[in-house]
Each structure stands twice: as structure tokens, then as C-alpha cells.
Amino acid sequence: MKIALGADHAGFEYKDRIAKILRDSGHHVLDFGTHDATPVDYPQYGYAVGEAVATGQADRGIVICGSSIGISIAANKVPGVRCAVVMEPLTAELARRHNDANVFALSERLTGWEMIERLVDVFLHAPYEGDTSEGARHKHRVEQLFEFGDTQRERTLKNLERGAVTDAVTPKELL
């Protein structure tokens, strides 16, 4: 699997350690930096990893910063990216199985190394269930993540006017 990595100055040490684990496991790593503690702007690394995944240069991506929050927001700006902030195995697994997360955001300052190793393992091995008959509802919902254009905005504004979301029922054949 090709995996894109990117981190700012608060995440580069974990990025380098993750890169070694991935390479030792036979994965191809695209390392977009950074490579030392010189302060840098995290959005640029989130964008680079996001674009690598969205354009097919990488199958998945991992981004790391101090908290995982800012870099995840940046990665999610790239159309086609589903970046999840994960700090423990259950949400990591659900992000893959139900949301088809193709980028994980990790925190070097808030998550210990042993947990990071577990999260990377989940990211590599948990399958997406949306392509199974039991998981069709997940695929239906994941597809909606990219529908926020003019039509969806109008629909959402109407729901705001009503004061409630009234048209979000999953089709019965998907349940």
C-alpha cells in the first residue's frame, strides 16, 4: 500500500517513527515532511497528504501535528478526503469501517507512542464495510459527505428555516 505522511514541527518525530514501521512492513511511503523542529505551518502538510490521497498518488494518508486538530481540518479541505482525528482504537476502527476514512490525523503531544502503534495497525487493517450488503447504509452516508454543493446548501437552509432536519431518513432497502 502507498501511504502519504505529513507532519508539522510538533509531529515530525512520530511521523519518522511511523514511516519506519510502514517501510518495515513493506509499504511504500511518501514523506512530505517536515523533518525537524523548525516551526512550520501545518495546513501545507495536511493539504499535501490530502492531495496525494485524492489524486491517487497514495492509497491512504497519515497526518500528525501537536493536537491532530488543525492538520485534520486542512486535510479535510481537499475534495475526496475523509480525514478522522483518532486517539483510541474504537474510533479508529469505526472511522475505517463506517466512514471509509482515507486519512488519519494523529497527535504527538496528546497520544502516547504505544497507542499510536495500535492506531496505525487499525488504519492498515480495518476494512471499509460500505461495499458489503450489511454495510450499504455506510456507503450511502459516506457518499453524502461530498454532496455539499448548491443543492445541498439550499436543502440545509430550508431545514434551518423549519428549525429541524426533516429529510434525513436512510432508505429502508439499505437498513
C-alpha atoms as a PDB file:
ATOM      1  CA  MET A   1       0.000   0.000   0.000  1.00  0.00           C
ATOM      2  CA  LYS A   2       1.209   3.561  -0.720  1.00  0.00           C
ATOM      3  CA  ILE A   3       0.830   5.797   2.309  1.00  0.00           C
ATOM      4  CA  ALA A   4       1.411   9.550   2.349  1.00  0.00           C
ATOM      5  CA  LEU A   5       2.763  11.075   5.543  1.00  0.00           C
ATOM      6  CA  GLY A   6       2.957  14.688   6.618  1.00  0.00           C
ATOM      7  CA  ALA A   7       3.601  16.472   9.872  1.00  0.00           C
ATOM      8  CA  ASP A   8       4.452  19.854  11.252  1.00  0.00           C
ATOM      9  CA  HIS A   9       7.232  20.607  13.736  1.00  0.00           C
ATOM     10  CA  ALA A  10       5.095  19.213  16.594  1.00  0.00           C
ATOM     11  CA  GLY A  11       4.556  15.867  14.861  1.00  0.00           C
ATOM     12  CA  PHE A  12       7.670  15.075  12.831  1.00  0.00           C
ATOM     13  CA  GLU A  13       9.200  12.663  15.363  1.00  0.00           C
ATOM     14  CA  TYR A  14       6.127  10.387  15.300  1.00  0.00           C
ATOM     15  CA  LYS A  15       5.968  10.765  11.507  1.00  0.00           C
ATOM     16  CA  ASP A  16       9.501   9.472  11.180  1.00  0.00           C
ATOM     17  CA  ARG A  17       8.804   6.547  13.519  1.00  0.00           C
ATOM     18  CA  ILE A  18       5.569   5.694  11.664  1.00  0.00           C
ATOM     19  CA  ALA A  19       7.433   5.840   8.334  1.00  0.00           C
ATOM     20  CA  LYS A  20       9.909   3.260   9.622  1.00  0.00           C
ATOM     21  CA  ILE A  21       7.115   0.936  10.788  1.00  0.00           C
ATOM     22  CA  LEU A  22       5.367   1.234   7.430  1.00  0.00           C
ATOM     23  CA  ARG A  23       8.519   0.625   5.405  1.00  0.00           C
ATOM     24  CA  ASP A  24       9.488  -2.332   7.588  1.00  0.00           C
ATOM     25  CA  SER A  25       6.015  -3.766   6.874  1.00  0.00           C
ATOM     26  CA  GLY A  26       6.544  -3.466   3.119  1.00  0.00           C
ATOM     27  CA  HIS A  27       4.529  -0.326   2.463  1.00  0.00           C
ATOM     28  CA  HIS A  28       5.654   2.450   0.134  1.00  0.00           C
ATOM     29  CA  VAL A  29       5.879   5.770   1.999  1.00  0.00           C
ATOM     30  CA  LEU A  30       5.543   9.243   0.502  1.00  0.00           C
ATOM     31  CA  ASP A  31       7.048  11.544   3.152  1.00  0.00           C
ATOM     32  CA  PHE A  32       6.088  15.180   2.627  1.00  0.00           C
ATOM     33  CA  GLY A  33       7.929  16.414   5.722  1.00  0.00           C
ATOM     34  CA  THR A  34       8.645  18.258   7.870  1.00  0.00           C
ATOM     35  CA  HIS A  35      11.900  16.822   9.124  1.00  0.00           C
ATOM     36  CA  ASP A  36      12.887  18.880  12.151  1.00  0.00           C
ATOM     37  CA  ALA A  37      11.575  21.170  14.903  1.00  0.00           C
ATOM     38  CA  THR A  38      11.767  24.381  12.870  1.00  0.00           C
ATOM     39  CA  PRO A  39       8.294  25.976  13.170  1.00  0.00           C
ATOM     40  CA  VAL A  40       6.226  25.439  10.016  1.00  0.00           C
ATOM     41  CA  ASP A  41       2.581  25.928   9.024  1.00  0.00           C
ATOM     42  CA  TYR A  42       0.645  22.664   9.451  1.00  0.00           C
ATOM     43  CA  PRO A  43      -2.002  23.372   6.764  1.00  0.00           C
ATOM     44  CA  GLN A  44       0.538  22.879   3.986  1.00  0.00           C
ATOM     45  CA  TYR A  45       1.290  19.340   5.164  1.00  0.00           C
ATOM     46  CA  GLY A  46      -2.402  18.480   5.548  1.00  0.00           C
ATOM     47  CA  TYR A  47      -3.050  19.742   2.025  1.00  0.00           C
ATOM     48  CA  ALA A  48      -0.114  17.784   0.556  1.00  0.00           C
ATOM     49  CA  VAL A  49      -1.175  14.481   2.113  1.00  0.00           C
ATOM     50  CA  GLY A  50      -4.813  15.143   1.206  1.00  0.00           C
ATOM     51  CA  GLU A  51      -3.968  15.829  -2.430  1.00  0.00           C
ATOM     52  CA  ALA A  52      -1.748  12.751  -2.631  1.00  0.00           C
ATOM     53  CA  VAL A  53      -4.675  10.600  -1.468  1.00  0.00           C
ATOM     54  CA  ALA A  54      -7.338  12.415  -3.507  1.00  0.00           C
ATOM     55  CA  THR A  55      -5.323  12.170  -6.730  1.00  0.00           C
ATOM     56  CA  GLY A  56      -4.467   8.502  -6.241  1.00  0.00           C
ATOM     57  CA  GLN A  57      -0.746   9.005  -5.686  1.00  0.00           C
ATOM     58  CA  ALA A  58      -1.305   7.374  -2.278  1.00  0.00           C
ATOM     59  CA  ASP A  59      -3.895   4.860  -1.112  1.00  0.00           C
ATOM     60  CA  ARG A  60      -4.131   6.416   2.352  1.00  0.00           C
ATOM     61  CA  GLY A  61      -2.529   9.149   4.383  1.00  0.00           C
ATOM     62  CA  ILE A  62      -1.478   9.934   7.917  1.00  0.00           C
ATOM     63  CA  VAL A  63      -1.012  13.460   9.206  1.00  0.00           C
ATOM     64  CA  ILE A  64       0.470  14.397  12.565  1.00  0.00           C
ATOM     65  CA  CYS A  65       0.626  17.652  14.475  1.00  0.00           C
ATOM     66  CA  GLY A  66       0.638  18.598  18.141  1.00  0.00           C
ATOM     67  CA  SER A  67      -3.093  18.085  18.686  1.00  0.00           C
ATOM     68  CA  SER A  68      -4.169  16.456  15.380  1.00  0.00           C
ATOM     69  CA  ILE A  69      -6.953  19.000  15.024  1.00  0.00           C
ATOM     70  CA  GLY A  70      -5.537  21.712  12.783  1.00  0.00           C
ATOM     71  CA  ILE A  71      -3.859  19.373  10.343  1.00  0.00           C
ATOM     72  CA  SER A  72      -7.064  17.300  10.068  1.00  0.00           C
ATOM     73  CA  ILE A  73      -9.067  20.396   9.192  1.00  0.00           C
ATOM     74  CA  ALA A  74      -6.550  21.192   6.462  1.00  0.00           C
ATOM     75  CA  ALA A  75      -6.624  17.657   5.034  1.00  0.00           C
ATOM     76  CA  ASN A  76     -10.432  17.690   5.006  1.00  0.00           C
ATOM     77  CA  LYS A  77     -10.428  20.792   2.800  1.00  0.00           C
ATOM     78  CA  VAL A  78      -9.232  18.601  -0.076  1.00  0.00           C
ATOM     79  CA  PRO A  79     -12.183  17.142  -2.033  1.00  0.00           C
ATOM     80  CA  GLY A  80     -12.252  13.364  -1.722  1.00  0.00           C
ATOM     81  CA  VAL A  81     -10.528  13.236   1.657  1.00  0.00           C
ATOM     82  CA  ARG A  82     -12.174  11.740   4.714  1.00  0.00           C
ATOM     83  CA  CYS A  83      -9.731  12.566   7.496  1.00  0.00           C
ATOM     84  CA  ALA A  84     -10.558  11.392  11.018  1.00  0.00           C
ATOM     85  CA  VAL A  85      -8.922  12.533  14.232  1.00  0.00           C
ATOM     86  CA  VAL A  86      -8.315   9.335  16.185  1.00  0.00           C
ATOM     87  CA  MET A  87      -6.889   8.878  19.655  1.00  0.00           C
ATOM     88  CA  GLU A  88      -8.036   5.378  20.601  1.00  0.00           C
ATOM     89  CA  PRO A  89      -8.717   2.115  18.745  1.00  0.00           C
ATOM     90  CA  LEU A  90     -12.527   2.027  18.708  1.00  0.00           C
ATOM     91  CA  THR A  91     -12.988   5.388  16.978  1.00  0.00           C
ATOM     92  CA  ALA A  92     -10.123   4.486  14.647  1.00  0.00           C
ATOM     93  CA  GLU A  93     -11.856   1.250  13.694  1.00  0.00           C
ATOM     94  CA  LEU A  94     -15.240   2.926  13.233  1.00  0.00           C
ATOM     95  CA  ALA A  95     -13.622   5.640  11.114  1.00  0.00           C
ATOM     96  CA  ARG A  96     -12.375   2.949   8.746  1.00  0.00           C
ATOM     97  CA  ARG A  97     -15.323   0.528   8.863  1.00  0.00           C
ATOM     98  CA  HIS A  98     -18.196   3.029   8.727  1.00  0.00           C
ATOM     99  CA  ASN A  99     -16.706   6.215   7.271  1.00  0.00           C
ATOM    100  CA  ASP A 100     -14.033   4.840   4.940  1.00  0.00           C
ATOM    101  CA  ALA A 101     -11.537   7.298   6.429  1.00  0.00           C
ATOM    102  CA  ASN A 102      -8.667   7.506   3.981  1.00  0.00           C
ATOM    103  CA  VAL A 103      -6.550   9.803   6.161  1.00  0.00           C
ATOM    104  CA  PHE A 104      -5.931   9.551   9.896  1.00  0.00           C
ATOM    105  CA  ALA A 105      -4.850  12.541  11.975  1.00  0.00           C
ATOM    106  CA  LEU A 106      -2.695  11.742  14.982  1.00  0.00           C
ATOM    107  CA  SER A 107      -1.425  13.804  17.908  1.00  0.00           C
ATOM    108  CA  GLU A 108       2.188  13.684  19.026  1.00  0.00           C
ATOM    109  CA  ARG A 109       1.533  15.766  22.138  1.00  0.00           C
ATOM    110  CA  LEU A 110      -1.625  14.031  23.372  1.00  0.00           C
ATOM    111  CA  THR A 111      -1.208  10.380  22.382  1.00  0.00           C
ATOM    112  CA  GLY A 112       1.456   8.005  23.661  1.00  0.00           C
ATOM    113  CA  TRP A 113       3.629   6.027  21.265  1.00  0.00           C
ATOM    114  CA  GLU A 114       2.170   2.599  22.104  1.00  0.00           C
ATOM    115  CA  MET A 115      -1.302   3.895  21.285  1.00  0.00           C
ATOM    116  CA  ILE A 116      -0.031   5.394  18.030  1.00  0.00           C
ATOM    117  CA  GLU A 117       1.276   1.966  17.030  1.00  0.00           C
ATOM    118  CA  ARG A 118      -2.166   0.454  17.689  1.00  0.00           C
ATOM    119  CA  LEU A 119      -3.898   3.209  15.704  1.00  0.00           C
ATOM    120  CA  VAL A 120      -1.618   2.716  12.709  1.00  0.00           C
ATOM    121  CA  ASP A 121      -2.330  -1.027  12.825  1.00  0.00           C
ATOM    122  CA  VAL A 122      -6.091  -0.380  12.825  1.00  0.00           C
ATOM    123  CA  PHE A 123      -5.688   2.079   9.946  1.00  0.00           C
ATOM    124  CA  LEU A 124      -3.882  -0.526   7.869  1.00  0.00           C
ATOM    125  CA  HIS A 125      -6.106  -3.495   8.640  1.00  0.00           C
ATOM    126  CA  ALA A 126      -9.687  -2.423   9.404  1.00  0.00           C
ATOM    127  CA  PRO A 127     -11.783  -2.833   6.242  1.00  0.00           C
ATOM    128  CA  TYR A 128     -14.449  -0.477   4.974  1.00  0.00           C
ATOM    129  CA  GLU A 129     -17.855  -2.155   5.331  1.00  0.00           C
ATOM    130  CA  GLY A 130     -19.711   0.018   2.814  1.00  0.00           C
ATOM    131  CA  ASP A 131     -19.051  -2.382  -0.010  1.00  0.00           C
ATOM    132  CA  THR A 132     -20.790  -5.259   1.789  1.00  0.00           C
ATOM    133  CA  SER A 133     -24.534  -5.885   1.837  1.00  0.00           C
ATOM    134  CA  GLU A 134     -24.555  -5.384   5.619  1.00  0.00           C
ATOM    135  CA  GLY A 135     -22.718  -2.071   5.311  1.00  0.00           C
ATOM    136  CA  ALA A 136     -24.601  -0.487   2.396  1.00  0.00           C
ATOM    137  CA  ARG A 137     -26.040   2.158   4.729  1.00  0.00           C
ATOM    138  CA  HIS A 138     -22.489   3.355   5.436  1.00  0.00           C
ATOM    139  CA  LYS A 139     -21.722   3.790   1.732  1.00  0.00           C
ATOM    140  CA  HIS A 140     -24.956   5.751   1.290  1.00  0.00           C
ATOM    141  CA  ARG A 141     -23.907   8.092   4.099  1.00  0.00           C
ATOM    142  CA  VAL A 142     -20.272   8.426   3.045  1.00  0.00           C
ATOM    143  CA  GLU A 143     -21.413   9.470  -0.431  1.00  0.00           C
ATOM    144  CA  GLN A 144     -23.370  12.315   1.159  1.00  0.00           C
ATOM    145  CA  LEU A 145     -20.184  13.737   2.642  1.00  0.00           C
ATOM    146  CA  PHE A 146     -19.330  15.119  -0.786  1.00  0.00           C
ATOM    147  CA  GLU A 147     -22.770  16.454  -1.736  1.00  0.00           C
ATOM    148  CA  PHE A 148     -22.469  19.849  -0.116  1.00  0.00           C
ATOM    149  CA  GLY A 149     -22.901  21.959  -3.223  1.00  0.00           C
ATOM    150  CA  ASP A 150     -25.643  24.447  -4.054  1.00  0.00           C
ATOM    151  CA  THR A 151     -28.480  21.884  -3.935  1.00  0.00           C
ATOM    152  CA  GLN A 152     -27.460  20.504  -0.545  1.00  0.00           C
ATOM    153  CA  ARG A 153     -26.921  24.017   0.805  1.00  0.00           C
ATOM    154  CA  GLU A 154     -30.454  25.020  -0.225  1.00  0.00           C
ATOM    155  CA  ARG A 155     -31.825  21.870   1.421  1.00  0.00           C
ATOM    156  CA  THR A 156     -29.890  22.626   4.605  1.00  0.00           C
ATOM    157  CA  LEU A 157     -31.029  26.269   4.691  1.00  0.00           C
ATOM    158  CA  LYS A 158     -34.654  25.118   4.380  1.00  0.00           C
ATOM    159  CA  ASN A 159     -34.105  22.798   7.335  1.00  0.00           C
ATOM    160  CA  LEU A 160     -32.712  25.747   9.277  1.00  0.00           C
ATOM    161  CA  GLU A 161     -35.813  27.788   8.475  1.00  0.00           C
ATOM    162  CA  ARG A 162     -38.008  24.926   9.721  1.00  0.00           C
ATOM    163  CA  GLY A 163     -35.860  24.592  12.812  1.00  0.00           C
ATOM    164  CA  ALA A 164     -35.313  20.870  12.271  1.00  0.00           C
ATOM    165  CA  VAL A 165     -33.849  18.408   9.815  1.00  0.00           C
ATOM    166  CA  THR A 166     -36.824  16.627   8.294  1.00  0.00           C
ATOM    167  CA  ASP A 167     -35.405  14.805   5.284  1.00  0.00           C
ATOM    168  CA  ALA A 168     -32.576  12.614   6.552  1.00  0.00           C
ATOM    169  CA  VAL A 169     -34.136   9.161   6.549  1.00  0.00           C
ATOM    170  CA  THR A 170     -31.946   6.311   5.326  1.00  0.00           C
ATOM    171  CA  PRO A 171     -33.723   4.337   2.586  1.00  0.00           C
ATOM    172  CA  LYS A 172     -35.241   1.162   4.039  1.00  0.00           C
ATOM    173  CA  GLU A 173     -33.527  -1.073   1.495  1.00  0.00           C
ATOM    174  CA  LEU A 174     -30.186  -0.031   2.985  1.00  0.00           C
ATOM    175  CA  LEU A 175     -31.047  -0.902   6.549  1.00  0.00           C
END
